[in-house]
């Protein structure tokens, strides 16, 4: 009964990682972090102008729908969130659920969407931020004398579908 075996210990120096292996792993993690962190930091810089472009396109579509229904451009963006009754007593709208907020953050911060229209029937929707200005313009185009206006967008040339 005296043959009770003691637990075998590994010989000294044969367990764990060496200091040079740990230094290599830490160096590799540092290199990956040095590459990834600046890329991640710039993600918002590209997303904010993209959001502004999408928002101005949606606003321009709502302006177009309002103009098609009412026969004139809206006086301001907030009227797009309410139903409108035209001269034929036809009701339509709201043309947007809400006016979108500008992209958050930025240096400088993004401004609210501004809408301007002219008596000639042109309009523009603009916002600025991150050193970028996003402008969406719409102008009526008459194909023939006396024809009702069709709308073109500048830039890019695009239409919008009724929802």
C-alpha atoms as a PDB file:
ATOM      1  CA  UNK A   1       0.000   0.000   0.000  1.00  0.00           C
ATOM      2  CA  UNK A   2       2.905   2.305   0.068  1.00  0.00           C
ATOM      3  CA  UNK A   3       2.875   2.421  -3.695  1.00  0.00           C
ATOM      4  CA  UNK A   4       0.571   5.474  -3.818  1.00  0.00           C
ATOM      5  CA  UNK A   5       1.565   7.463  -6.863  1.00  0.00           C
ATOM      6  CA  UNK A   6       2.016  11.138  -6.533  1.00  0.00           C
ATOM      7  CA  UNK A   7       0.734  13.385  -9.302  1.00  0.00           C
ATOM      8  CA  UNK A   8       3.303  13.787 -11.974  1.00  0.00           C
ATOM      9  CA  UNK A   9       4.488  17.371 -12.351  1.00  0.00           C
ATOM     10  CA  UNK A  10       5.731  18.499 -15.701  1.00  0.00           C
ATOM     11  CA  UNK A  11       9.430  19.138 -15.706  1.00  0.00           C
ATOM     12  CA  UNK A  12      10.436  22.753 -15.168  1.00  0.00           C
ATOM     13  CA  UNK A  13      10.572  24.826 -18.382  1.00  0.00           C
ATOM     14  CA  UNK A  14       8.108  22.741 -20.424  1.00  0.00           C
ATOM     15  CA  UNK A  15       4.779  24.503 -19.688  1.00  0.00           C
ATOM     16  CA  UNK A  16       3.257  27.830 -20.831  1.00  0.00           C
ATOM     17  CA  UNK A  17       4.486  30.306 -23.406  1.00  0.00           C
ATOM     18  CA  UNK A  18       7.895  31.807 -23.710  1.00  0.00           C
ATOM     19  CA  UNK A  19       8.407  35.531 -23.382  1.00  0.00           C
ATOM     20  CA  UNK A  20       9.299  35.859 -27.073  1.00  0.00           C
ATOM     21  CA  UNK A  21       6.049  34.128 -28.107  1.00  0.00           C
ATOM     22  CA  UNK A  22       4.009  36.525 -25.954  1.00  0.00           C
ATOM     23  CA  UNK A  23       5.852  39.540 -27.395  1.00  0.00           C
ATOM     24  CA  UNK A  24       5.108  38.366 -30.955  1.00  0.00           C
ATOM     25  CA  UNK A  25       1.387  37.919 -30.187  1.00  0.00           C
ATOM     26  CA  UNK A  26       1.145  41.359 -28.565  1.00  0.00           C
ATOM     27  CA  UNK A  27       2.946  42.915 -31.548  1.00  0.00           C
ATOM     28  CA  UNK A  28       0.557  41.277 -34.035  1.00  0.00           C
ATOM     29  CA  UNK A  29      -2.510  42.457 -32.078  1.00  0.00           C
ATOM     30  CA  UNK A  30      -1.050  45.976 -31.991  1.00  0.00           C
ATOM     31  CA  UNK A  31      -0.508  45.995 -35.759  1.00  0.00           C
ATOM     32  CA  UNK A  32      -4.070  44.825 -36.450  1.00  0.00           C
ATOM     33  CA  UNK A  33      -5.473  47.468 -34.049  1.00  0.00           C
ATOM     34  CA  UNK A  34      -3.345  50.184 -35.663  1.00  0.00           C
ATOM     35  CA  UNK A  35      -4.874  49.321 -39.042  1.00  0.00           C
ATOM     36  CA  UNK A  36      -8.494  48.785 -37.914  1.00  0.00           C
ATOM     37  CA  UNK A  37      -9.059  51.751 -35.576  1.00  0.00           C
ATOM     38  CA  UNK A  38      -8.498  54.537 -38.170  1.00  0.00           C
ATOM     39  CA  UNK A  39     -10.699  52.688 -40.669  1.00  0.00           C
ATOM     40  CA  UNK A  40     -13.492  52.374 -38.114  1.00  0.00           C
ATOM     41  CA  UNK A  41     -13.151  56.026 -37.088  1.00  0.00           C
ATOM     42  CA  UNK A  42     -13.895  57.189 -40.659  1.00  0.00           C
ATOM     43  CA  UNK A  43     -17.060  55.103 -41.088  1.00  0.00           C
ATOM     44  CA  UNK A  44     -19.298  57.913 -39.842  1.00  0.00           C
ATOM     45  CA  UNK A  45     -17.598  60.427 -42.124  1.00  0.00           C
ATOM     46  CA  UNK A  46     -18.876  58.572 -45.189  1.00  0.00           C
ATOM     47  CA  UNK A  47     -22.269  57.646 -43.735  1.00  0.00           C
ATOM     48  CA  UNK A  48     -23.334  61.202 -42.903  1.00  0.00           C
ATOM     49  CA  UNK A  49     -23.154  62.537 -46.495  1.00  0.00           C
ATOM     50  CA  UNK A  50     -24.903  59.374 -47.703  1.00  0.00           C
ATOM     51  CA  UNK A  51     -27.753  59.961 -45.240  1.00  0.00           C
ATOM     52  CA  UNK A  52     -28.013  63.576 -46.373  1.00  0.00           C
ATOM     53  CA  UNK A  53     -28.199  62.491 -50.028  1.00  0.00           C
ATOM     54  CA  UNK A  54     -30.943  59.965 -49.288  1.00  0.00           C
ATOM     55  CA  UNK A  55     -32.876  62.498 -47.186  1.00  0.00           C
ATOM     56  CA  UNK A  56     -32.695  65.211 -49.854  1.00  0.00           C
ATOM     57  CA  UNK A  57     -33.845  62.696 -52.487  1.00  0.00           C
ATOM     58  CA  UNK A  58     -36.823  61.713 -50.311  1.00  0.00           C
ATOM     59  CA  UNK A  59     -37.682  65.364 -49.694  1.00  0.00           C
ATOM     60  CA  UNK A  60     -37.426  66.121 -53.424  1.00  0.00           C
ATOM     61  CA  UNK A  61     -39.794  63.218 -54.183  1.00  0.00           C
ATOM     62  CA  UNK A  62     -42.270  64.550 -51.629  1.00  0.00           C
ATOM     63  CA  UNK A  63     -42.023  68.028 -53.178  1.00  0.00           C
ATOM     64  CA  UNK A  64     -42.674  66.498 -56.595  1.00  0.00           C
ATOM     65  CA  UNK A  65     -45.714  64.576 -55.363  1.00  0.00           C
ATOM     66  CA  UNK A  66     -47.070  67.711 -53.705  1.00  0.00           C
ATOM     67  CA  UNK A  67     -46.484  69.750 -56.885  1.00  0.00           C
ATOM     68  CA  UNK A  68     -48.140  67.087 -59.050  1.00  0.00           C
ATOM     69  CA  UNK A  69     -51.185  67.131 -56.781  1.00  0.00           C
ATOM     70  CA  UNK A  70     -51.458  70.843 -56.055  1.00  0.00           C
ATOM     71  CA  UNK A  71     -50.109  72.304 -59.311  1.00  0.00           C
ATOM     72  CA  UNK A  72     -47.597  74.498 -57.444  1.00  0.00           C
ATOM     73  CA  UNK A  73     -44.524  73.947 -55.337  1.00  0.00           C
ATOM     74  CA  UNK A  74     -45.023  73.828 -51.583  1.00  0.00           C
ATOM     75  CA  UNK A  75     -44.287  77.064 -49.719  1.00  0.00           C
ATOM     76  CA  UNK A  76     -42.145  75.240 -47.127  1.00  0.00           C
ATOM     77  CA  UNK A  77     -41.101  71.685 -46.205  1.00  0.00           C
ATOM     78  CA  UNK A  78     -43.396  71.321 -43.150  1.00  0.00           C
ATOM     79  CA  UNK A  79     -46.526  71.361 -45.359  1.00  0.00           C
ATOM     80  CA  UNK A  80     -45.415  67.994 -46.776  1.00  0.00           C
ATOM     81  CA  UNK A  81     -46.387  66.202 -43.557  1.00  0.00           C
ATOM     82  CA  UNK A  82     -50.066  67.234 -43.785  1.00  0.00           C
ATOM     83  CA  UNK A  83     -52.826  66.287 -46.237  1.00  0.00           C
ATOM     84  CA  UNK A  84     -53.484  68.869 -48.942  1.00  0.00           C
ATOM     85  CA  UNK A  85     -56.652  69.646 -50.904  1.00  0.00           C
ATOM     86  CA  UNK A  86     -56.167  70.934 -54.451  1.00  0.00           C
ATOM     87  CA  UNK A  87     -58.415  73.209 -56.543  1.00  0.00           C
ATOM     88  CA  UNK A  88     -60.522  70.220 -57.642  1.00  0.00           C
ATOM     89  CA  UNK A  89     -61.298  69.466 -53.978  1.00  0.00           C
ATOM     90  CA  UNK A  90     -59.151  66.294 -54.130  1.00  0.00           C
ATOM     91  CA  UNK A  91     -57.271  65.394 -50.986  1.00  0.00           C
ATOM     92  CA  UNK A  92     -53.858  63.727 -50.936  1.00  0.00           C
ATOM     93  CA  UNK A  93     -51.030  63.335 -48.499  1.00  0.00           C
ATOM     94  CA  UNK A  94     -49.322  63.517 -46.208  1.00  0.00           C
ATOM     95  CA  UNK A  95     -46.481  63.360 -48.681  1.00  0.00           C
ATOM     96  CA  UNK A  96     -43.921  62.467 -45.971  1.00  0.00           C
ATOM     97  CA  UNK A  97     -44.389  61.004 -42.510  1.00  0.00           C
ATOM     98  CA  UNK A  98     -41.984  63.561 -41.032  1.00  0.00           C
ATOM     99  CA  UNK A  99     -39.235  65.921 -42.116  1.00  0.00           C
ATOM    100  CA  UNK A 100     -35.983  64.011 -41.540  1.00  0.00           C
ATOM    101  CA  UNK A 101     -33.389  65.266 -39.091  1.00  0.00           C
ATOM    102  CA  UNK A 102     -29.979  66.084 -40.565  1.00  0.00           C
ATOM    103  CA  UNK A 103     -27.189  63.571 -39.946  1.00  0.00           C
ATOM    104  CA  UNK A 104     -25.937  63.674 -36.358  1.00  0.00           C
ATOM    105  CA  UNK A 105     -22.386  64.781 -35.577  1.00  0.00           C
ATOM    106  CA  UNK A 106     -19.904  65.990 -38.113  1.00  0.00           C
ATOM    107  CA  UNK A 107     -17.282  68.669 -38.028  1.00  0.00           C
ATOM    108  CA  UNK A 108     -18.800  71.154 -38.617  1.00  0.00           C
ATOM    109  CA  UNK A 109     -22.198  69.794 -37.589  1.00  0.00           C
ATOM    110  CA  UNK A 110     -24.832  69.215 -40.272  1.00  0.00           C
ATOM    111  CA  UNK A 111     -27.356  72.008 -40.781  1.00  0.00           C
ATOM    112  CA  UNK A 112     -31.107  71.533 -41.047  1.00  0.00           C
ATOM    113  CA  UNK A 113     -32.489  70.963 -44.547  1.00  0.00           C
ATOM    114  CA  UNK A 114     -33.259  74.275 -46.238  1.00  0.00           C
ATOM    115  CA  UNK A 115     -35.839  74.553 -48.984  1.00  0.00           C
ATOM    116  CA  UNK A 116     -36.070  77.369 -51.499  1.00  0.00           C
ATOM    117  CA  UNK A 117     -38.450  77.733 -54.410  1.00  0.00           C
ATOM    118  CA  UNK A 118     -38.828  80.321 -57.129  1.00  0.00           C
ATOM    119  CA  UNK A 119     -41.782  81.716 -59.027  1.00  0.00           C
ATOM    120  CA  UNK A 120     -40.356  80.008 -62.122  1.00  0.00           C
ATOM    121  CA  UNK A 121     -41.121  76.654 -60.500  1.00  0.00           C
ATOM    122  CA  UNK A 122     -37.603  75.613 -59.549  1.00  0.00           C
ATOM    123  CA  UNK A 123     -36.632  74.456 -56.088  1.00  0.00           C
ATOM    124  CA  UNK A 124     -33.611  73.287 -54.160  1.00  0.00           C
ATOM    125  CA  UNK A 125     -33.089  71.398 -50.926  1.00  0.00           C
ATOM    126  CA  UNK A 126     -29.708  71.904 -49.273  1.00  0.00           C
ATOM    127  CA  UNK A 127     -27.773  70.870 -46.198  1.00  0.00           C
ATOM    128  CA  UNK A 128     -24.111  71.252 -45.230  1.00  0.00           C
ATOM    129  CA  UNK A 129     -21.784  69.490 -42.828  1.00  0.00           C
ATOM    130  CA  UNK A 130     -18.411  67.759 -42.623  1.00  0.00           C
ATOM    131  CA  UNK A 131     -17.181  70.344 -45.124  1.00  0.00           C
ATOM    132  CA  UNK A 132     -19.656  69.020 -47.739  1.00  0.00           C
ATOM    133  CA  UNK A 133     -22.735  70.655 -49.256  1.00  0.00           C
ATOM    134  CA  UNK A 134     -25.527  68.412 -50.528  1.00  0.00           C
ATOM    135  CA  UNK A 135     -28.019  70.114 -52.853  1.00  0.00           C
ATOM    136  CA  UNK A 136     -30.939  68.561 -54.691  1.00  0.00           C
ATOM    137  CA  UNK A 137     -32.618  70.698 -57.374  1.00  0.00           C
ATOM    138  CA  UNK A 138     -35.857  70.249 -59.254  1.00  0.00           C
ATOM    139  CA  UNK A 139     -37.005  72.198 -62.279  1.00  0.00           C
ATOM    140  CA  UNK A 140     -40.144  71.961 -64.398  1.00  0.00           C
ATOM    141  CA  UNK A 141     -39.653  71.076 -68.010  1.00  0.00           C
ATOM    142  CA  UNK A 142     -42.313  71.703 -70.621  1.00  0.00           C
ATOM    143  CA  UNK A 143     -42.122  69.244 -73.489  1.00  0.00           C
ATOM    144  CA  UNK A 144     -44.394  71.353 -75.706  1.00  0.00           C
ATOM    145  CA  UNK A 145     -46.160  74.675 -75.439  1.00  0.00           C
ATOM    146  CA  UNK A 146     -49.152  74.367 -73.162  1.00  0.00           C
ATOM    147  CA  UNK A 147     -48.130  70.912 -71.890  1.00  0.00           C
ATOM    148  CA  UNK A 148     -48.243  70.213 -68.200  1.00  0.00           C
ATOM    149  CA  UNK A 149     -44.846  70.256 -66.527  1.00  0.00           C
ATOM    150  CA  UNK A 150     -42.807  67.150 -65.980  1.00  0.00           C
ATOM    151  CA  UNK A 151     -40.058  67.208 -63.391  1.00  0.00           C
ATOM    152  CA  UNK A 152     -36.387  66.576 -63.833  1.00  0.00           C
ATOM    153  CA  UNK A 153     -33.858  66.292 -61.041  1.00  0.00           C
ATOM    154  CA  UNK A 154     -30.375  67.722 -61.020  1.00  0.00           C
ATOM    155  CA  UNK A 155     -28.088  65.940 -59.982  1.00  0.00           C
ATOM    156  CA  UNK A 156     -28.519  63.058 -60.529  1.00  0.00           C
ATOM    157  CA  UNK A 157     -31.470  62.868 -62.899  1.00  0.00           C
ATOM    158  CA  UNK A 158     -34.014  60.670 -61.228  1.00  0.00           C
ATOM    159  CA  UNK A 159     -37.702  60.304 -60.646  1.00  0.00           C
ATOM    160  CA  UNK A 160     -39.656  59.028 -57.713  1.00  0.00           C
ATOM    161  CA  UNK A 161     -42.481  56.565 -57.485  1.00  0.00           C
ATOM    162  CA  UNK A 162     -45.709  57.333 -55.695  1.00  0.00           C
ATOM    163  CA  UNK A 163     -46.112  55.319 -52.536  1.00  0.00           C
END
